[in-house]
C-alpha atoms as a PDB file:
ATOM      1  CA  MET A   1      -6.028  40.593   9.575  1.00  0.00           C
ATOM      2  CA  ASN A   2      -5.484  43.257   6.937  1.00  0.00           C
ATOM      3  CA  SER A   3      -3.770  43.039   3.549  1.00  0.00           C
ATOM      4  CA  LEU A   4      -0.336  43.822   5.039  1.00  0.00           C
ATOM      5  CA  SER A   5      -0.539  41.121   7.705  1.00  0.00           C
ATOM      6  CA  VAL A   6      -1.778  38.564   5.151  1.00  0.00           C
ATOM      7  CA  LYS A   7       1.157  39.313   2.841  1.00  0.00           C
ATOM      8  CA  ILE A   8       3.709  39.031   5.646  1.00  0.00           C
ATOM      9  CA  THR A   9       2.146  35.772   6.847  1.00  0.00           C
ATOM     10  CA  ASN A  10       2.262  34.345   3.312  1.00  0.00           C
ATOM     11  CA  LEU A  11       5.910  35.355   2.939  1.00  0.00           C
ATOM     12  CA  MET A  12       6.702  33.642   6.244  1.00  0.00           C
ATOM     13  CA  MET A  13       5.148  30.409   4.992  1.00  0.00           C
ATOM     14  CA  ILE A  14       6.906  30.594   1.618  1.00  0.00           C
ATOM     15  CA  ASN A  15      10.311  31.225   3.196  1.00  0.00           C
ATOM     16  CA  GLY A  16       9.991  28.651   5.962  1.00  0.00           C
ATOM     17  CA  ILE A  17       9.736  31.104   8.869  1.00  0.00           C
ATOM     18  CA  ALA A  18       8.114  29.037  11.610  1.00  0.00           C
ATOM     19  CA  ASN A  19       6.711  31.738  13.898  1.00  0.00           C
ATOM     20  CA  GLU A  20       6.641  35.406  14.889  1.00  0.00           C
ATOM     21  CA  SER A  21       9.553  34.979  17.273  1.00  0.00           C
ATOM     22  CA  GLN A  22      11.830  33.686  14.507  1.00  0.00           C
ATOM     23  CA  LEU A  23      10.866  36.499  12.133  1.00  0.00           C
ATOM     24  CA  ALA A  24      11.379  39.120  14.845  1.00  0.00           C
ATOM     25  CA  ARG A  25      14.900  37.809  15.492  1.00  0.00           C
ATOM     26  CA  CYS A  26      15.767  37.652  11.783  1.00  0.00           C
ATOM     27  CA  VAL A  27      14.478  41.147  11.039  1.00  0.00           C
ATOM     28  CA  GLY A  28      15.666  42.766  14.263  1.00  0.00           C
ATOM     29  CA  ILE A  29      12.391  44.103  15.673  1.00  0.00           C
ATOM     30  CA  TYR A  30      10.507  43.554  18.921  1.00  0.00           C
ATOM     31  CA  GLN A  31       8.204  40.530  18.877  1.00  0.00           C
ATOM     32  CA  PRO A  32       5.276  42.374  20.568  1.00  0.00           C
ATOM     33  CA  THR A  33       5.415  44.979  17.790  1.00  0.00           C
ATOM     34  CA  LEU A  34       5.435  42.265  15.133  1.00  0.00           C
ATOM     35  CA  SER A  35       2.548  40.453  16.862  1.00  0.00           C
ATOM     36  CA  ARG A  36       0.387  43.587  16.766  1.00  0.00           C
ATOM     37  CA  LEU A  37       1.342  44.151  13.133  1.00  0.00           C
ATOM     38  CA  LEU A  38       0.387  40.589  12.120  1.00  0.00           C
ATOM     39  CA  ALA A  39      -2.859  40.837  14.072  1.00  0.00           C
ATOM     40  CA  GLY A  40      -3.835  43.911  12.057  1.00  0.00           C
ATOM     41  CA  LYS A  41      -3.820  46.167  15.115  1.00  0.00           C
ATOM     42  CA  ILE A  42      -1.328  48.709  13.726  1.00  0.00           C
ATOM     43  CA  TYR A  43      -3.056  50.854  11.118  1.00  0.00           C
ATOM     44  CA  LYS A  44      -0.104  53.179  10.422  1.00  0.00           C
ATOM     45  CA  PRO A  45       2.963  50.915  10.607  1.00  0.00           C
ATOM     46  CA  ASN A  46       6.410  52.386  11.150  1.00  0.00           C
ATOM     47  CA  GLN A  47       8.123  52.768   7.765  1.00  0.00           C
ATOM     48  CA  ARG A  48      11.463  51.654   9.182  1.00  0.00           C
ATOM     49  CA  ILE A  49       9.933  48.360  10.333  1.00  0.00           C
ATOM     50  CA  ILE A  50       8.198  47.804   6.992  1.00  0.00           C
ATOM     51  CA  ARG A  51      11.463  48.496   5.175  1.00  0.00           C
ATOM     52  CA  LYS A  52      13.288  45.942   7.346  1.00  0.00           C
ATOM     53  CA  ILE A  53      10.650  43.281   6.644  1.00  0.00           C
ATOM     54  CA  ALA A  54      10.689  44.041   2.914  1.00  0.00           C
ATOM     55  CA  GLU A  55      14.491  43.809   2.768  1.00  0.00           C
ATOM     56  CA  PHE A  56      14.485  40.505   4.653  1.00  0.00           C
ATOM     57  CA  PHE A  57      11.998  38.903   2.247  1.00  0.00           C
ATOM     58  CA  ASP A  58      13.625  40.588  -0.783  1.00  0.00           C
ATOM     59  CA  VAL A  59      10.428  42.352  -1.859  1.00  0.00           C
ATOM     60  CA  SER A  60       9.593  46.017  -2.355  1.00  0.00           C
ATOM     61  CA  VAL A  61       7.894  48.158   0.285  1.00  0.00           C
ATOM     62  CA  ASP A  62       5.128  48.807  -2.248  1.00  0.00           C
ATOM     63  CA  HIS A  63       4.558  45.060  -2.559  1.00  0.00           C
ATOM     64  CA  LEU A  64       3.742  44.954   1.151  1.00  0.00           C
ATOM     65  CA  LEU A  65       1.722  48.162   1.366  1.00  0.00           C
ATOM     66  CA  VAL A  66      -0.312  48.221  -1.870  1.00  0.00           C
ATOM     67  CA  ASP A  67      -3.747  46.965  -0.863  1.00  0.00           C
ATOM     68  CA  SER A  68      -4.517  44.730  -3.869  1.00  0.00           C
ATOM     69  CA  PRO A  69      -4.283  40.981  -3.288  1.00  0.00           C
ATOM     70  CA  LEU A  70      -2.554  39.086  -6.071  1.00  0.00           C
ATOM     71  CA  GLN A  71      -5.535  36.775  -6.538  1.00  0.00           C
ATOM     72  CA  SER A  72      -7.807  39.640  -7.597  1.00  0.00           C
ATOM     73  CA  VAL A  73      -5.488  41.071 -10.271  1.00  0.00           C
ATOM     74  CA  TYR A  74      -6.203  39.887 -13.831  1.00  0.00           C
ATOM     75  CA  ILE A  75      -4.355  40.729 -17.021  1.00  0.00           C
ATOM     76  CA  SER A  76      -6.069  42.357 -19.938  1.00  0.00           C
ATOM     77  CA  GLU A  77      -6.519  40.683 -23.304  1.00  0.00           C
ATOM     78  CA  ALA A  78      -3.714  42.872 -24.679  1.00  0.00           C
ATOM     79  CA  GLU A  79      -1.328  41.723 -21.965  1.00  0.00           C
ATOM     80  CA  ARG A  80      -2.011  38.156 -22.998  1.00  0.00           C
ATOM     81  CA  TYR A  81       0.036  38.779 -26.131  1.00  0.00           C
ATOM     82  CA  HIS A  82       2.664  41.186 -24.787  1.00  0.00           C
ATOM     83  CA  GLY A  83       3.123  40.275 -21.152  1.00  0.00           C
ATOM     84  CA  SER A  84       5.777  39.730 -18.547  1.00  0.00           C
ATOM     85  CA  PRO A  85       6.289  36.222 -17.107  1.00  0.00           C
ATOM     86  CA  SER A  86       4.022  37.309 -14.255  1.00  0.00           C
ATOM     87  CA  SER A  87       1.114  38.413 -16.454  1.00  0.00           C
ATOM     88  CA  VAL A  88       1.443  35.481 -18.868  1.00  0.00           C
ATOM     89  CA  LEU A  89       1.439  32.913 -16.064  1.00  0.00           C
ATOM     90  CA  ARG A  90      -1.449  34.630 -14.280  1.00  0.00           C
ATOM     91  CA  TYR A  91      -3.476  34.629 -17.506  1.00  0.00           C
ATOM     92  CA  LEU A  92      -2.774  30.956 -18.192  1.00  0.00           C
ATOM     93  CA  MET A  93      -3.684  29.885 -14.651  1.00  0.00           C
ATOM     94  CA  GLN A  94      -6.940  31.839 -14.882  1.00  0.00           C
ATOM     95  CA  ASP A  95      -7.590  30.491 -18.380  1.00  0.00           C
ATOM     96  CA  ILE A  96      -7.697  26.863 -17.221  1.00  0.00           C
ATOM     97  CA  GLY A  97     -10.073  27.528 -14.357  1.00  0.00           C
ATOM     98  CA  ASN A  98      -8.144  29.591 -11.802  1.00  0.00           C
ATOM     99  CA  MET A  99      -5.703  26.791 -11.001  1.00  0.00           C
ATOM    100  CA  SER A 100      -4.053  27.331  -7.626  1.00  0.00           C
ATOM    101  CA  GLU A 101      -0.329  27.755  -7.090  1.00  0.00           C
ATOM    102  CA  GLY A 102      -0.246  24.492  -5.145  1.00  0.00           C
ATOM    103  CA  GLU A 103      -1.965  22.490  -7.890  1.00  0.00           C
ATOM    104  CA  LEU A 104       0.295  23.952 -10.580  1.00  0.00           C
ATOM    105  CA  SER A 105       3.311  23.059  -8.465  1.00  0.00           C
ATOM    106  CA  ARG A 106       2.073  19.472  -8.108  1.00  0.00           C
ATOM    107  CA  ARG A 107       1.444  19.148 -11.850  1.00  0.00           C
ATOM    108  CA  THR A 108       4.765  20.631 -12.999  1.00  0.00           C
ATOM    109  CA  GLY A 109       7.226  19.977 -10.194  1.00  0.00           C
ATOM    110  CA  VAL A 110       8.092  23.671  -9.951  1.00  0.00           C
ATOM    111  CA  PRO A 111       8.251  24.629  -6.243  1.00  0.00           C
ATOM    112  CA  GLN A 112       5.245  26.657  -5.076  1.00  0.00           C
ATOM    113  CA  PRO A 113       7.429  29.486  -3.689  1.00  0.00           C
ATOM    114  CA  THR A 114       8.989  29.838  -7.162  1.00  0.00           C
ATOM    115  CA  ILE A 115       5.550  30.024  -8.793  1.00  0.00           C
ATOM    116  CA  HIS A 116       4.466  32.622  -6.233  1.00  0.00           C
ATOM    117  CA  ARG A 117       7.539  34.760  -6.920  1.00  0.00           C
ATOM    118  CA  ILE A 118       6.918  34.650 -10.679  1.00  0.00           C
ATOM    119  CA  LEU A 119       3.247  35.573 -10.216  1.00  0.00           C
ATOM    120  CA  SER A 120       3.988  38.445  -7.867  1.00  0.00           C
ATOM    121  CA  GLY A 121       6.697  39.871 -10.118  1.00  0.00           C
ATOM    122  CA  MET A 122       9.390  39.326  -7.492  1.00  0.00           C
ATOM    123  CA  THR A 123      11.261  37.190 -10.046  1.00  0.00           C
ATOM    124  CA  PRO A 124      11.051  39.131 -13.347  1.00  0.00           C
ATOM    125  CA  ASN A 125      13.672  36.907 -15.013  1.00  0.00           C
ATOM    126  CA  PRO A 126      12.912  33.332 -13.895  1.00  0.00           C
ATOM    127  CA  ARG A 127      15.453  30.580 -14.416  1.00  0.00           C
ATOM    128  CA  ILE A 128      14.954  28.376 -17.464  1.00  0.00           C
ATOM    129  CA  GLU A 129      14.769  25.357 -15.107  1.00  0.00           C
ATOM    130  CA  SER A 130      11.504  26.819 -13.776  1.00  0.00           C
ATOM    131  CA  ILE A 131      10.132  28.123 -17.078  1.00  0.00           C
ATOM    132  CA  GLU A 132      10.516  24.946 -19.164  1.00  0.00           C
ATOM    133  CA  PRO A 133       8.170  22.726 -17.076  1.00  0.00           C
ATOM    134  CA  LEU A 134       5.557  25.518 -16.970  1.00  0.00           C
ATOM    135  CA  ALA A 135       5.772  26.076 -20.726  1.00  0.00           C
ATOM    136  CA  GLU A 136       5.471  22.350 -21.398  1.00  0.00           C
ATOM    137  CA  PHE A 137       2.414  22.119 -19.155  1.00  0.00           C
ATOM    138  CA  PHE A 138       0.623  24.983 -20.928  1.00  0.00           C
ATOM    139  CA  ASN A 139       1.633  23.756 -24.417  1.00  0.00           C
ATOM    140  CA  ILE A 140       3.634  26.880 -25.283  1.00  0.00           C
ATOM    141  CA  SER A 141       7.306  27.693 -25.836  1.00  0.00           C
ATOM    142  CA  PRO A 142       9.646  28.988 -23.099  1.00  0.00           C
ATOM    143  CA  ASP A 143       9.904  32.338 -24.942  1.00  0.00           C
ATOM    144  CA  GLN A 144       6.098  32.626 -24.936  1.00  0.00           C
ATOM    145  CA  MET A 145       6.084  31.752 -21.238  1.00  0.00           C
ATOM    146  CA  LEU A 146       8.575  34.557 -20.607  1.00  0.00           C
ATOM    147  CA  GLY A 147       6.458  37.038 -22.583  1.00  0.00           C
ATOM    148  CA  ARG A 148       9.175  37.598 -25.181  1.00  0.00           C
ATOM    149  CA  ILE A 149       6.888  36.598 -28.059  1.00  0.00           C
ATOM    150  CA  PRO A 150       3.066  36.508 -28.223  1.00  0.00           C
ATOM    151  CA  LEU A 151       1.050  33.482 -27.254  1.00  0.00           C
ATOM    152  CA  PRO A 152      -0.167  31.607 -30.366  1.00  0.00           C
ATOM    153  CA  LYS A 153      -3.332  33.120 -31.817  1.00  0.00           C
ATOM    154  CA  ASP A 154      -4.769  29.677 -32.516  1.00  0.00           C
ATOM    155  CA  ARG A 155      -4.235  28.459 -28.962  1.00  0.00           C
ATOM    156  CA  ILE A 156      -7.349  26.712 -27.664  1.00  0.00           C
ATOM    157  CA  SER A 157      -8.575  28.481 -24.547  1.00  0.00           C
ATOM    158  CA  GLY A 158      -8.280  26.330 -21.446  1.00  0.00           C
ATOM    159  CA  SER A 159      -5.828  23.855 -22.974  1.00  0.00           C
ATOM    160  CA  PHE A 160      -2.964  22.308 -21.047  1.00  0.00           C
ATOM    161  CA  ALA A 161      -0.900  19.125 -21.116  1.00  0.00           C
ATOM    162  CA  VAL A 162      -2.254  16.158 -19.194  1.00  0.00           C
ATOM    163  CA  THR A 163       0.823  14.683 -17.554  1.00  0.00           C
ATOM    164  CA  THR A 164       0.899  11.471 -15.561  1.00  0.00           C
ATOM    165  CA  ALA A 165       4.462  11.693 -14.280  1.00  0.00           C
ATOM    166  CA  THR A 166       5.075  14.053 -11.389  1.00  0.00           C
ATOM    167  CA  LYS A 167       7.987  16.349 -12.122  1.00  0.00           C
ATOM    168  CA  LYS A 168      10.178  17.763  -9.410  1.00  0.00           C
ATOM    169  CA  ILE A 169      12.793  20.506  -9.392  1.00  0.00           C
ATOM    170  CA  VAL A 170      15.824  19.558  -7.289  1.00  0.00           C
ATOM    171  CA  PRO A 171      18.918  21.579  -6.345  1.00  0.00           C
ATOM    172  CA  LEU A 172      22.280  20.837  -7.940  1.00  0.00           C
ATOM    173  CA  LEU A 173      24.791  20.346  -5.117  1.00  0.00           C
ATOM    174  CA  ASN A 174      28.549  20.240  -5.203  1.00  0.00           C
ATOM    175  CA  TRP A 175      30.132  17.102  -3.784  1.00  0.00           C
ATOM    176  CA  MET A 176      31.267  18.820  -0.585  1.00  0.00           C
ATOM    177  CA  GLU A 177      27.671  19.765   0.291  1.00  0.00           C
ATOM    178  CA  ILE A 178      26.314  16.197   0.346  1.00  0.00           C
ATOM    179  CA  ALA A 179      27.556  15.568   3.888  1.00  0.00           C
ATOM    180  CA  TYR A 180      25.361  18.432   5.124  1.00  0.00           C
ATOM    181  CA  TRP A 181      22.141  17.423   3.332  1.00  0.00           C
ATOM    182  CA  PRO A 182      19.318  18.140   4.134  1.00  0.00           C
ATOM    183  CA  GLU A 183      20.316  20.578   6.921  1.00  0.00           C
ATOM    184  CA  ILE A 184      22.026  22.787   4.334  1.00  0.00           C
ATOM    185  CA  ILE A 185      18.584  23.819   3.023  1.00  0.00           C
ATOM    186  CA  LYS A 186      18.168  25.998   6.125  1.00  0.00           C
ATOM    187  CA  ASP A 187      21.127  28.151   5.095  1.00  0.00           C
ATOM    188  CA  PRO A 188      19.680  31.538   3.996  1.00  0.00           C
ATOM    189  CA  ASN A 189      22.156  31.608   1.094  1.00  0.00           C
ATOM    190  CA  PHE A 190      21.330  28.095  -0.124  1.00  0.00           C
ATOM    191  CA  LYS A 191      19.296  29.233  -3.142  1.00  0.00           C
ATOM    192  CA  THR A 192      21.676  32.025  -4.145  1.00  0.00           C
ATOM    193  CA  GLU A 193      23.211  31.450  -7.596  1.00  0.00           C
ATOM    194  CA  ARG A 194      22.240  27.765  -7.491  1.00  0.00           C
ATOM    195  CA  ASN A 195      21.258  25.681 -10.504  1.00  0.00           C
ATOM    196  CA  TRP A 196      18.134  23.502 -10.359  1.00  0.00           C
ATOM    197  CA  ILE A 197      17.444  20.295 -12.276  1.00  0.00           C
ATOM    198  CA  THR A 198      14.089  18.889 -13.425  1.00  0.00           C
ATOM    199  CA  SER A 199      13.490  15.251 -12.462  1.00  0.00           C
ATOM    200  CA  GLU A 200      10.824  13.107 -14.120  1.00  0.00           C
ATOM    201  CA  SER A 201      11.412   9.970 -12.053  1.00  0.00           C
ATOM    202  CA  GLY A 202       8.432  10.499  -9.746  1.00  0.00           C
ATOM    203  CA  ILE A 203      10.457  11.453  -6.663  1.00  0.00           C
ATOM    204  CA  LYS A 204       8.168  12.589  -3.857  1.00  0.00           C
ATOM    205  CA  GLY A 205      10.530  13.140  -0.958  1.00  0.00           C
ATOM    206  CA  SER A 206      13.805  14.951  -0.359  1.00  0.00           C
ATOM    207  CA  ALA A 207      16.146  14.853  -3.364  1.00  0.00           C
ATOM    208  CA  PHE A 208      19.138  16.578  -4.925  1.00  0.00           C
ATOM    209  CA  ALA A 209      21.292  16.407  -8.064  1.00  0.00           C
ATOM    210  CA  LEU A 210      25.018  15.959  -8.675  1.00  0.00           C
ATOM    211  CA  LYS A 211      27.184  16.312 -11.759  1.00  0.00           C
ATOM    212  CA  ILE A 212      29.760  13.620 -12.514  1.00  0.00           C
ATOM    213  CA  SER A 213      32.995  15.531 -13.095  1.00  0.00           C
ATOM    214  CA  ASN A 214      35.414  12.669 -13.848  1.00  0.00           C
ATOM    215  CA  VAL A 215      35.651   9.217 -15.459  1.00  0.00           C
ATOM    216  CA  ASP A 216      35.832   7.226 -12.199  1.00  0.00           C
ATOM    217  CA  TYR A 217      32.342   5.777 -12.598  1.00  0.00           C
ATOM    218  CA  LEU A 218      32.497   4.395 -16.140  1.00  0.00           C
ATOM    219  CA  PRO A 219      30.760   2.614 -17.759  1.00  0.00           C
ATOM    220  CA  GLU A 220      27.683   3.272 -15.576  1.00  0.00           C
ATOM    221  CA  PHE A 221      28.035   7.063 -15.379  1.00  0.00           C
ATOM    222  CA  ARG A 222      30.256   8.995 -17.753  1.00  0.00           C
ATOM    223  CA  LYS A 223      31.744  12.439 -17.216  1.00  0.00           C
ATOM    224  CA  GLY A 224      29.160  15.208 -17.516  1.00  0.00           C
ATOM    225  CA  THR A 225      26.210  13.040 -16.440  1.00  0.00           C
ATOM    226  CA  VAL A 226      23.822  14.629 -13.936  1.00  0.00           C
ATOM    227  CA  ILE A 227      22.462  12.130 -11.420  1.00  0.00           C
ATOM    228  CA  ILE A 228      19.315  12.643  -9.331  1.00  0.00           C
ATOM    229  CA  ILE A 229      19.496  11.212  -5.817  1.00  0.00           C
ATOM    230  CA  ASP A 230      16.363  10.240  -3.894  1.00  0.00           C
ATOM    231  CA  TYR A 231      17.413  10.840  -0.297  1.00  0.00           C
ATOM    232  CA  THR A 232      14.375   9.200   1.313  1.00  0.00           C
ATOM    233  CA  ARG A 233      14.007   6.051  -0.830  1.00  0.00           C
ATOM    234  CA  MET A 234      14.789   2.757   0.907  1.00  0.00           C
ATOM    235  CA  PRO A 235      17.592   1.096  -1.099  1.00  0.00           C
ATOM    236  CA  LYS A 236      17.220  -2.439  -2.399  1.00  0.00           C
ATOM    237  CA  GLU A 237      19.564  -5.066  -3.831  1.00  0.00           C
ATOM    238  CA  GLY A 238      21.245  -3.814  -6.997  1.00  0.00           C
ATOM    239  CA  ASP A 239      20.478  -0.108  -6.520  1.00  0.00           C
ATOM    240  CA  PHE A 240      23.153   2.454  -7.289  1.00  0.00           C
ATOM    241  CA  VAL A 241      23.613   4.560  -4.166  1.00  0.00           C
ATOM    242  CA  LEU A 242      25.680   7.328  -2.605  1.00  0.00           C
ATOM    243  CA  ALA A 243      27.486   6.734   0.669  1.00  0.00           C
ATOM    244  CA  LEU A 244      29.437   8.973   3.023  1.00  0.00           C
ATOM    245  CA  LEU A 245      32.613   7.695   4.679  1.00  0.00           C
ATOM    246  CA  THR A 246      32.131   9.599   7.920  1.00  0.00           C
ATOM    247  CA  ASN A 247      35.729   9.297   9.134  1.00  0.00           C
ATOM    248  CA  LYS A 248      37.087  10.782   5.876  1.00  0.00           C
ATOM    249  CA  ASN A 249      34.119  12.961   4.867  1.00  0.00           C
ATOM    250  CA  GLN A 250      34.375  11.252   1.459  1.00  0.00           C
ATOM    251  CA  ILE A 251      31.493  10.462  -0.918  1.00  0.00           C
ATOM    252  CA  VAL A 252      31.455   7.060  -2.645  1.00  0.00           C
ATOM    253  CA  VAL A 253      29.246   5.980  -5.560  1.00  0.00           C
ATOM    254  CA  GLY A 254      28.511   2.275  -5.708  1.00  0.00           C
ATOM    255  CA  GLN A 255      26.041  -0.576  -6.092  1.00  0.00           C
ATOM    256  CA  LEU A 256      24.302  -2.097  -3.093  1.00  0.00           C
ATOM    257  CA  SER A 257      24.711  -5.809  -2.417  1.00  0.00           C
ATOM    258  CA  ARG A 258      22.610  -7.542   0.238  1.00  0.00           C
ATOM    259  CA  GLU A 259      23.417 -10.965   1.656  1.00  0.00           C
ATOM    260  CA  LYS A 260      22.183 -12.504   4.913  1.00  0.00           C
ATOM    261  CA  LYS A 261      20.733  -9.167   6.047  1.00  0.00           C
ATOM    262  CA  GLN A 262      24.110  -7.489   5.624  1.00  0.00           C
ATOM    263  CA  ASP A 263      24.403  -4.559   3.208  1.00  0.00           C
ATOM    264  CA  THR A 264      27.635  -4.115   1.296  1.00  0.00           C
ATOM    265  CA  LEU A 265      28.610  -1.285  -1.034  1.00  0.00           C
ATOM    266  CA  MET A 266      30.471  -2.233  -4.204  1.00  0.00           C
ATOM    267  CA  PRO A 267      32.218   1.044  -5.204  1.00  0.00           C
ATOM    268  CA  LEU A 268      32.333   1.959  -8.883  1.00  0.00           C
ATOM    269  CA  SER A 269      35.748   3.558  -8.441  1.00  0.00           C
ATOM    270  CA  GLN A 270      38.463   0.952  -8.953  1.00  0.00           C
ATOM    271  CA  GLY A 271      40.661   2.321  -6.191  1.00  0.00           C
ATOM    272  CA  ILE A 272      38.149   1.637  -3.391  1.00  0.00           C
ATOM    273  CA  LYS A 273      37.450  -1.811  -1.920  1.00  0.00           C
ATOM    274  CA  GLU A 274      33.959  -3.049  -1.030  1.00  0.00           C
ATOM    275  CA  LEU A 275      32.509  -1.461   2.105  1.00  0.00           C
ATOM    276  CA  THR A 276      30.218  -2.815   4.794  1.00  0.00           C
ATOM    277  CA  ILE A 277      27.346  -0.457   5.579  1.00  0.00           C
ATOM    278  CA  ASN A 278      27.720   0.605   9.222  1.00  0.00           C
ATOM    279  CA  GLU A 279      28.076   3.745  11.319  1.00  0.00           C
ATOM    280  CA  ARG A 280      31.230   4.693   9.391  1.00  0.00           C
ATOM    281  CA  VAL A 281      29.585   4.189   5.984  1.00  0.00           C
ATOM    282  CA  LYS A 282      26.359   6.201   5.870  1.00  0.00           C
ATOM    283  CA  LEU A 283      23.981   5.842   2.909  1.00  0.00           C
ATOM    284  CA  CYS A 284      23.014   9.232   1.427  1.00  0.00           C
ATOM    285  CA  GLY A 285      20.347   8.178  -1.070  1.00  0.00           C
ATOM    286  CA  VAL A 286      19.479   6.102  -4.128  1.00  0.00           C
ATOM    287  CA  ILE A 287      20.351   7.234  -7.658  1.00  0.00           C
ATOM    288  CA  ALA A 288      16.879   7.533  -9.197  1.00  0.00           C
ATOM    289  CA  GLU A 289      17.728   9.090 -12.554  1.00  0.00           C
ATOM    290  CA  ALA A 290      20.703   9.912 -14.763  1.00  0.00           C
ATOM    291  CA  LYS A 291      20.671  12.664 -17.378  1.00  0.00           C
ATOM    292  CA  HIS A 292      23.196  12.304 -20.194  1.00  0.00           C
ATOM    293  CA  ASN A 293      24.268  15.052 -22.578  1.00  0.00           C
ATOM    294  CA  PHE A 294      24.860  13.621 -26.042  1.00  0.00           C
END
């Protein structure tokens, strides 16, 4: 494999492209041609094909063709103080012992594909939801993380925050999207113009966030509260949960009651009676965290 094939393979992994056949269909090129390209057997690739692949992954043609792996590029000492988000993050990761993208993702909760995009320069203006956990981990401010102001001169080389809680960045859904979770993630437009929320509740599996837009759930959840839902957690007696009324495509927030092996949902909205959990009342996750704005 050459540099080009390695970059395309990495982009496939980051974007959830399962195999060559899927990429060939998405890009609109012949699979045998793509197979030879990924095997490093095409030394002068067709520019039209490269342009199609670059456009699909939202990267530049130069990013694919420039033969300089990201891992071997280091910022200068000057760039440390006047860098882009890419150069600042690369410096900081190198400074604490060449921490990998995967390890940084595990420590901060920022998705690895997001970290990769910041490092590669594909995301020159990262969202604050991604920058804040990184800045906190490296003991600097968000503006320093973005390269807007210099890193502190008295910063101890190799320093970072030792965190015990695992943070996770989860997507903020609208209430209509809950019925389609988690299949909605496969939508190519899912991440477009979407807000992301940082959770510190130790969620490890599939999760999403919702914003309470009315006063129906007082006093437990007031208007404006953002709730984090752990989709994979097994609910227990007393948990606040989300449920989908499949015949009405309606989402209900309530508290789970369990008696004689029968689960019952006690809705927080006064206008809805208690519901027996069955095929018409599908649980959609446990409320693991609530973020209030004071």
